[in-house]
Amino acid sequence: MTRISTTLALRLVTMLLKNRAIFSLGFRMCSTHVTNAPPVETAKPSSDMSEFRKAFSKAKHIAIITGAGVSAESGVPTFRGEHEKWRKWHSQDLASPEAFSRTPSRVWEFYHYRRELVLDKQPSAVHFAIAECEARLKKQGRSVVVITQCIDDLHRQAGSKHVLQIHGSLMETRCLSCRQVTLNKESPICAALKGKGAPGPNVPDAQIPVDKLPRCEERDCHGLLRPNVVFFGETLDSHLLTMVEKEIETCDLCLVVGTSSIVYPAAMFGPRVASRGVPVAEFNMNTTPKTEYFMYHFQGPCGTTLPQALAPHESEVL
């Protein structure tokens, strides 16, 4: 299992705050004990929706950063709190290259469980509010981009067009042999996983033979497939991070929605925007380690707070 020490995480975060290398580094890591460098602004964030709406009405290029809390609005477990474990393992114990190398059957059971959950879910009010906002503002010559840590496909199902999935997708596979990435929404993804993946703490591993796990269908390949997601300790796609950097550098309003702000490098996207003096609004059930960096904070279910924030403004010509 790949883990990042508190000391290393602190050094990296300090570097990321001072250096544009945040995007070229791109390692996915999780820490709940990182001490933050001094925030750009020390004033308490505002919860004045009318003031936020003024900023929204003037914005031409809006970046919306979304996390697990958005998926939770559709009933997708966040693997935190009461859903922190699958069987007896934390998600970080399973979502690593080392875990997949040691026990590919167990890891595939875990991701099969997650795939089946997501295939049964529908977009929430949050997803639809974002998609509707993007479509509406496009007609006005304005733009919305979704930069998401979510690995489900719910943003696109809701109708969002400009979506950057920085942690990959549950509905894609990648071959370990030929590296081919393929969209796959089959249920189950292979016969051996049918009925497997139950999350109970006493459920035994299925111990599926490797040759019965999902295999590549490219001609003359038949290599072992893995979920096309970014495991902890892996480097995010450099091309995708270049696109994210462009959005972060050019947006004139940023929303951080349903993310705990503890998974890097995504946790630094909002503060990076705030460091340019651009308004950043956080929508979350609770404050986060990055709340103090932002101009606005709206506490409560994002399914309630976000739709009103993105609704048509009185100044818009519809």
Protein backbone atom coordinates (compact mmCIF):
# COMPACT_ATOMS: atom_id res chain seq x y z
CA MET A 1 0.00 0.00 0.00
CA THR A 2 1.34 3.43 -0.89
CA ARG A 3 1.19 5.99 1.90
CA ILE A 4 2.49 9.57 2.03
CA SER A 5 4.02 10.58 5.36
CA THR A 6 2.82 13.72 7.14
CA THR A 7 6.26 15.31 6.82
CA LEU A 8 6.47 14.62 3.10
CA ALA A 9 2.91 15.82 2.54
CA LEU A 10 3.67 19.06 4.42
CA ARG A 11 6.76 19.70 2.30
CA LEU A 12 4.84 19.01 -0.89
CA VAL A 13 1.91 21.23 0.07
CA THR A 14 4.25 24.11 0.96
CA MET A 15 5.99 23.68 -2.37
CA LEU A 16 2.70 23.51 -4.26
CA LEU A 17 1.51 26.75 -2.71
CA LYS A 18 4.66 28.56 -3.83
CA ASN A 19 5.40 26.82 -7.09
CA ARG A 20 3.54 26.27 -10.35
CA ALA A 21 4.82 22.68 -10.27
CA ILE A 22 1.53 21.61 -8.65
CA PHE A 23 0.29 20.37 -11.99
CA SER A 24 3.50 18.84 -13.30
CA LEU A 25 3.89 16.84 -10.06
CA GLY A 26 0.41 15.39 -10.12
CA PHE A 27 0.68 12.55 -7.61
CA ARG A 28 -2.61 11.45 -6.08
CA MET A 29 -2.20 11.30 -2.33
CA CYS A 30 -4.48 11.53 0.67
CA SER A 31 -3.68 13.11 4.01
CA THR A 32 -5.92 14.21 6.85
CA HIS A 33 -3.07 15.63 8.92
CA VAL A 34 -1.42 18.17 6.66
CA THR A 35 -0.58 21.52 8.24
CA ASN A 36 -1.48 24.30 5.83
CA ALA A 37 0.73 27.18 4.84
CA PRO A 38 -0.72 30.62 5.70
CA PRO A 39 -3.85 31.29 3.62
CA VAL A 40 -4.02 34.16 1.18
CA GLU A 41 -6.96 35.68 3.05
CA THR A 42 -7.58 35.37 6.79
CA ALA A 43 -11.07 36.91 6.90
CA LYS A 44 -13.91 34.50 7.60
CA PRO A 45 -15.59 33.40 4.35
CA SER A 46 -18.96 35.00 3.60
CA SER A 47 -22.19 33.03 3.39
CA ASP A 48 -24.07 35.87 1.70
CA MET A 49 -25.72 34.24 -1.31
CA SER A 50 -26.76 37.59 -2.81
CA GLU A 51 -23.12 38.71 -2.87
CA PHE A 52 -22.06 35.45 -4.49
CA ARG A 53 -24.82 35.85 -7.07
CA LYS A 54 -23.37 39.25 -8.06
CA ALA A 55 -20.00 37.62 -8.70
CA PHE A 56 -21.74 34.81 -10.61
CA SER A 57 -23.60 37.28 -12.85
CA LYS A 58 -20.30 38.87 -13.93
CA ALA A 59 -18.27 35.68 -14.47
CA LYS A 60 -17.38 34.68 -18.02
CA HIS A 61 -15.45 31.48 -17.33
CA ILE A 62 -16.53 29.38 -14.34
CA ALA A 63 -14.58 26.39 -13.02
CA ILE A 64 -16.51 23.95 -10.82
CA ILE A 65 -14.41 21.49 -8.83
CA THR A 66 -16.46 18.55 -7.56
CA GLY A 67 -15.77 15.70 -5.15
CA ALA A 68 -17.35 12.70 -3.49
CA GLY A 69 -20.05 14.77 -1.79
CA VAL A 70 -21.62 15.40 -5.20
CA SER A 71 -21.79 11.67 -5.90
CA ALA A 72 -23.21 11.15 -2.41
CA GLU A 73 -26.21 13.26 -3.44
CA SER A 74 -27.03 10.40 -5.84
CA GLY A 75 -26.55 7.76 -3.14
CA VAL A 76 -23.00 6.77 -4.07
CA PRO A 77 -20.97 5.90 -0.91
CA THR A 78 -18.05 8.24 -0.18
CA PHE A 79 -15.96 5.60 1.66
CA ARG A 80 -15.69 7.95 4.60
CA GLY A 81 -17.44 7.83 7.96
CA GLU A 82 -19.86 4.91 8.19
CA HIS A 83 -18.93 3.85 4.64
CA GLU A 84 -15.19 4.15 5.26
CA LYS A 85 -14.44 0.47 4.76
CA TRP A 86 -15.22 -2.20 2.19
CA ARG A 87 -15.16 -5.45 4.13
CA LYS A 88 -12.25 -4.82 6.51
CA TRP A 89 -10.17 -2.60 4.23
CA HIS A 90 -9.98 1.15 3.72
CA SER A 91 -10.23 2.27 0.11
CA GLN A 92 -6.56 3.35 0.17
CA ASP A 93 -5.65 -0.26 1.03
CA LEU A 94 -7.24 -1.44 -2.21
CA ALA A 95 -6.79 1.46 -4.62
CA SER A 96 -3.05 1.10 -5.12
CA PRO A 97 -0.79 -0.49 -7.73
CA GLU A 98 0.72 -2.72 -5.04
CA ALA A 99 -2.67 -4.04 -3.95
CA PHE A 100 -3.67 -4.79 -7.53
CA SER A 101 -0.38 -6.59 -8.13
CA ARG A 102 -0.73 -8.69 -4.95
CA THR A 103 -4.46 -9.43 -4.99
CA PRO A 104 -6.07 -8.49 -8.32
CA SER A 105 -9.13 -10.60 -7.50
CA ARG A 106 -9.84 -8.65 -4.31
CA VAL A 107 -9.29 -5.30 -5.97
CA TRP A 108 -11.54 -6.24 -8.88
CA GLU A 109 -14.24 -7.36 -6.42
CA PHE A 110 -14.02 -3.92 -4.78
CA TYR A 111 -14.30 -2.08 -8.09
CA HIS A 112 -17.00 -4.43 -9.37
CA TYR A 113 -19.02 -3.52 -6.26
CA ARG A 114 -18.49 0.18 -6.98
CA ARG A 115 -19.34 -0.20 -10.67
CA GLU A 116 -22.58 -2.00 -9.91
CA LEU A 117 -23.55 0.70 -7.39
CA VAL A 118 -22.93 3.49 -9.87
CA LEU A 119 -24.71 1.75 -12.75
CA ASP A 120 -27.83 1.77 -10.58
CA LYS A 121 -27.66 5.50 -9.71
CA GLN A 122 -29.08 8.59 -11.39
CA PRO A 123 -27.75 12.16 -11.48
CA SER A 124 -28.84 14.38 -8.60
CA ALA A 125 -30.07 17.97 -8.43
CA VAL A 126 -26.41 19.03 -8.20
CA HIS A 127 -25.47 17.31 -11.45
CA PHE A 128 -28.49 18.71 -13.27
CA ALA A 129 -27.94 22.24 -11.91
CA ILE A 130 -24.35 22.24 -13.21
CA ALA A 131 -25.31 20.81 -16.60
CA GLU A 132 -28.20 23.27 -17.04
CA CYS A 133 -25.95 26.17 -16.06
CA GLU A 134 -23.31 25.13 -18.61
CA ALA A 135 -25.88 24.87 -21.42
CA ARG A 136 -27.54 28.18 -20.50
CA LEU A 137 -24.33 30.20 -20.19
CA LYS A 138 -22.94 28.80 -23.43
CA LYS A 139 -25.76 30.61 -25.27
CA GLN A 140 -24.52 33.82 -23.62
CA GLY A 141 -20.92 33.33 -24.72
CA ARG A 142 -19.86 32.22 -21.24
CA SER A 143 -18.37 28.89 -20.22
CA VAL A 144 -18.48 26.30 -17.44
CA VAL A 145 -15.93 23.53 -16.92
CA VAL A 146 -16.31 20.68 -14.43
CA ILE A 147 -13.07 19.45 -12.88
CA THR A 148 -14.11 16.36 -10.98
CA GLN A 149 -12.48 13.87 -8.65
CA CYS A 150 -15.55 11.63 -9.03
CA ILE A 151 -14.97 8.45 -11.01
CA ASP A 152 -18.62 7.84 -11.83
CA ASP A 153 -20.18 9.16 -15.04
CA LEU A 154 -23.01 11.12 -13.44
CA HIS A 155 -21.92 14.57 -14.63
CA ARG A 156 -22.04 13.43 -18.24
CA GLN A 157 -25.28 11.54 -17.69
CA ALA A 158 -26.82 14.81 -16.47
CA GLY A 159 -25.73 16.54 -19.67
CA SER A 160 -22.45 18.27 -18.79
CA LYS A 161 -20.21 18.48 -21.85
CA HIS A 162 -16.96 20.00 -20.60
CA VAL A 163 -15.87 17.50 -17.92
CA LEU A 164 -12.30 16.74 -16.83
CA GLN A 165 -12.20 13.51 -14.78
CA ILE A 166 -8.82 13.83 -13.12
CA HIS A 167 -9.04 10.49 -11.26
CA GLY A 168 -10.30 8.46 -14.22
CA SER A 169 -13.54 6.55 -14.69
CA LEU A 170 -15.10 3.42 -13.22
CA MET A 171 -16.64 2.76 -16.61
CA GLU A 172 -13.30 2.45 -18.37
CA THR A 173 -10.67 -0.29 -18.31
CA ARG A 174 -6.99 -0.21 -19.17
CA CYS A 175 -5.01 -3.20 -20.40
CA LEU A 176 -1.77 -3.88 -18.52
CA SER A 177 -0.27 -5.36 -21.68
CA CYS A 178 -1.28 -3.20 -24.65
CA ARG A 179 -2.38 -0.13 -22.59
CA GLN A 180 -5.65 0.15 -24.54
CA VAL A 181 -8.33 2.18 -22.70
CA THR A 182 -11.89 1.02 -23.36
CA LEU A 183 -15.33 2.20 -22.27
CA ASN A 184 -17.07 -0.74 -20.59
CA LYS A 185 -20.50 -0.58 -18.93
CA GLU A 186 -21.13 -4.31 -18.97
CA SER A 187 -22.84 -5.72 -15.87
CA PRO A 188 -21.09 -7.78 -14.67
CA ILE A 189 -17.86 -6.85 -16.37
CA CYS A 190 -16.95 -10.56 -16.54
CA ALA A 191 -18.77 -13.79 -15.69
CA ALA A 192 -16.53 -14.65 -12.74
CA LEU A 193 -17.50 -11.41 -10.93
CA LYS A 194 -21.24 -12.01 -11.16
CA GLY A 195 -22.68 -11.85 -7.64
CA LYS A 196 -19.29 -10.99 -6.13
CA GLY A 197 -18.08 -7.91 -4.27
CA ALA A 198 -20.46 -7.90 -1.29
CA PRO A 199 -19.06 -5.37 1.24
CA GLY A 200 -19.87 -7.10 4.56
CA PRO A 201 -16.95 -7.37 7.03
CA ASN A 202 -17.18 -11.17 7.19
CA VAL A 203 -17.48 -11.82 3.45
CA PRO A 204 -14.52 -13.93 2.27
CA ASP A 205 -12.50 -13.09 -0.81
CA ALA A 206 -13.72 -14.84 -3.95
CA GLN A 207 -10.10 -15.58 -4.96
CA ILE A 208 -10.94 -15.55 -8.65
CA PRO A 209 -8.14 -16.97 -10.82
CA VAL A 210 -6.32 -14.23 -12.74
CA ASP A 211 -7.23 -15.74 -16.11
CA LYS A 212 -10.94 -15.40 -15.19
CA LEU A 213 -10.70 -11.70 -14.31
CA PRO A 214 -11.52 -9.06 -16.96
CA ARG A 215 -9.27 -9.56 -19.98
CA CYS A 216 -8.40 -7.42 -22.98
CA GLU A 217 -10.43 -8.15 -26.13
CA GLU A 218 -7.95 -6.56 -28.51
CA ARG A 219 -6.75 -9.02 -31.14
CA ASP A 220 -3.84 -11.24 -29.97
CA CYS A 221 -3.64 -9.50 -26.59
CA HIS A 222 -5.86 -11.00 -23.86
CA GLY A 223 -3.93 -9.03 -21.22
CA LEU A 224 -5.25 -8.44 -17.71
CA LEU A 225 -7.47 -5.37 -17.43
CA ARG A 226 -7.51 -2.94 -14.52
CA PRO A 227 -9.96 -0.15 -13.75
CA ASN A 228 -8.88 3.01 -15.58
CA VAL A 229 -8.75 5.03 -12.38
CA VAL A 230 -5.84 6.77 -10.69
CA PHE A 231 -4.72 4.67 -7.75
CA PHE A 232 -3.23 6.34 -4.68
CA GLY A 233 0.46 6.97 -5.30
CA GLU A 234 0.08 7.11 -9.08
CA THR A 235 0.75 10.14 -11.25
CA LEU A 236 -2.23 11.91 -12.78
CA ASP A 237 -2.35 12.15 -16.57
CA SER A 238 -0.01 14.98 -17.60
CA HIS A 239 -2.10 15.99 -20.63
CA LEU A 240 -5.22 16.21 -18.46
CA LEU A 241 -3.37 18.24 -15.83
CA THR A 242 -2.23 20.66 -18.52
CA MET A 243 -5.88 21.24 -19.41
CA VAL A 244 -6.73 21.68 -15.72
CA GLU A 245 -3.93 24.22 -15.33
CA LYS A 246 -5.31 26.26 -18.20
CA GLU A 247 -8.78 26.29 -16.62
CA ILE A 248 -7.42 27.20 -13.19
CA GLU A 249 -5.34 30.02 -14.65
CA THR A 250 -8.13 31.55 -16.74
CA CYS A 251 -11.33 31.14 -14.70
CA ASP A 252 -12.84 34.26 -13.15
CA LEU A 253 -15.04 32.36 -10.67
CA CYS A 254 -14.47 29.00 -8.99
CA LEU A 255 -16.84 26.73 -7.07
CA VAL A 256 -15.52 23.91 -4.88
CA VAL A 257 -18.40 21.51 -4.34
CA GLY A 258 -18.68 18.45 -2.12
CA THR A 259 -14.97 17.81 -1.64
CA SER A 260 -13.16 17.28 1.65
CA SER A 261 -10.04 19.00 0.25
CA ILE A 262 -7.67 16.34 1.59
CA VAL A 263 -6.77 14.53 -1.65
CA TYR A 264 -3.89 16.11 -3.56
CA PRO A 265 -3.26 17.70 -5.96
CA ALA A 266 -7.00 18.49 -6.34
CA ALA A 267 -7.11 19.99 -2.84
CA MET A 268 -4.89 22.82 -4.05
CA PHE A 269 -6.91 23.82 -7.13
CA GLY A 270 -9.26 26.14 -5.19
CA PRO A 271 -6.49 27.84 -3.19
CA ARG A 272 -4.53 28.25 -6.42
CA VAL A 273 -7.45 30.20 -7.93
CA ALA A 274 -7.90 32.20 -4.71
CA SER A 275 -4.22 33.21 -4.79
CA ARG A 276 -5.00 35.15 -8.01
CA GLY A 277 -7.65 37.18 -6.18
CA VAL A 278 -10.48 35.37 -7.99
CA PRO A 279 -13.66 34.64 -5.97
CA VAL A 280 -13.88 31.02 -4.81
CA ALA A 281 -17.04 29.61 -3.22
CA GLU A 282 -17.08 26.36 -1.24
CA PHE A 283 -20.26 24.29 -0.96
CA ASN A 284 -20.00 21.55 1.66
CA MET A 285 -21.71 19.95 4.64
CA ASN A 286 -18.85 21.15 6.84
CA THR A 287 -15.82 23.40 6.75
CA THR A 288 -12.66 21.85 5.29
CA PRO A 289 -8.91 22.40 5.69
CA LYS A 290 -9.13 24.88 2.80
CA THR A 291 -12.24 26.85 3.80
CA GLU A 292 -10.21 29.76 5.15
CA TYR A 293 -8.68 30.37 1.72
CA PHE A 294 -12.02 31.11 0.09
CA MET A 295 -14.22 34.19 -0.25
CA TYR A 296 -17.49 32.26 0.25
CA HIS A 297 -18.60 29.17 2.16
CA PHE A 298 -22.12 27.75 1.95
CA GLN A 299 -22.75 25.02 4.50
CA GLY A 300 -25.39 22.35 4.00
CA PRO A 301 -26.36 19.72 1.43
CA CYS A 302 -25.02 20.85 -1.93
CA GLY A 303 -28.22 19.50 -3.48
CA THR A 304 -29.95 22.40 -1.71
CA THR A 305 -27.35 25.17 -1.84
CA LEU A 306 -25.87 24.76 -5.32
CA PRO A 307 -29.02 24.88 -7.50
CA GLN A 308 -29.98 28.28 -6.11
CA ALA A 309 -26.41 29.52 -6.57
CA LEU A 310 -26.40 28.55 -10.27
CA ALA A 311 -29.99 29.52 -11.10
CA PRO A 312 -30.52 32.19 -13.80
CA HIS A 313 -29.58 35.63 -12.53
CA GLU A 314 -31.96 38.53 -13.08
CA SER A 315 -29.35 40.18 -15.32
CA GLU A 316 -29.26 37.24 -17.74
CA VAL A 317 -30.94 37.55 -21.10
CA LEU A 318 -32.73 34.23 -21.56
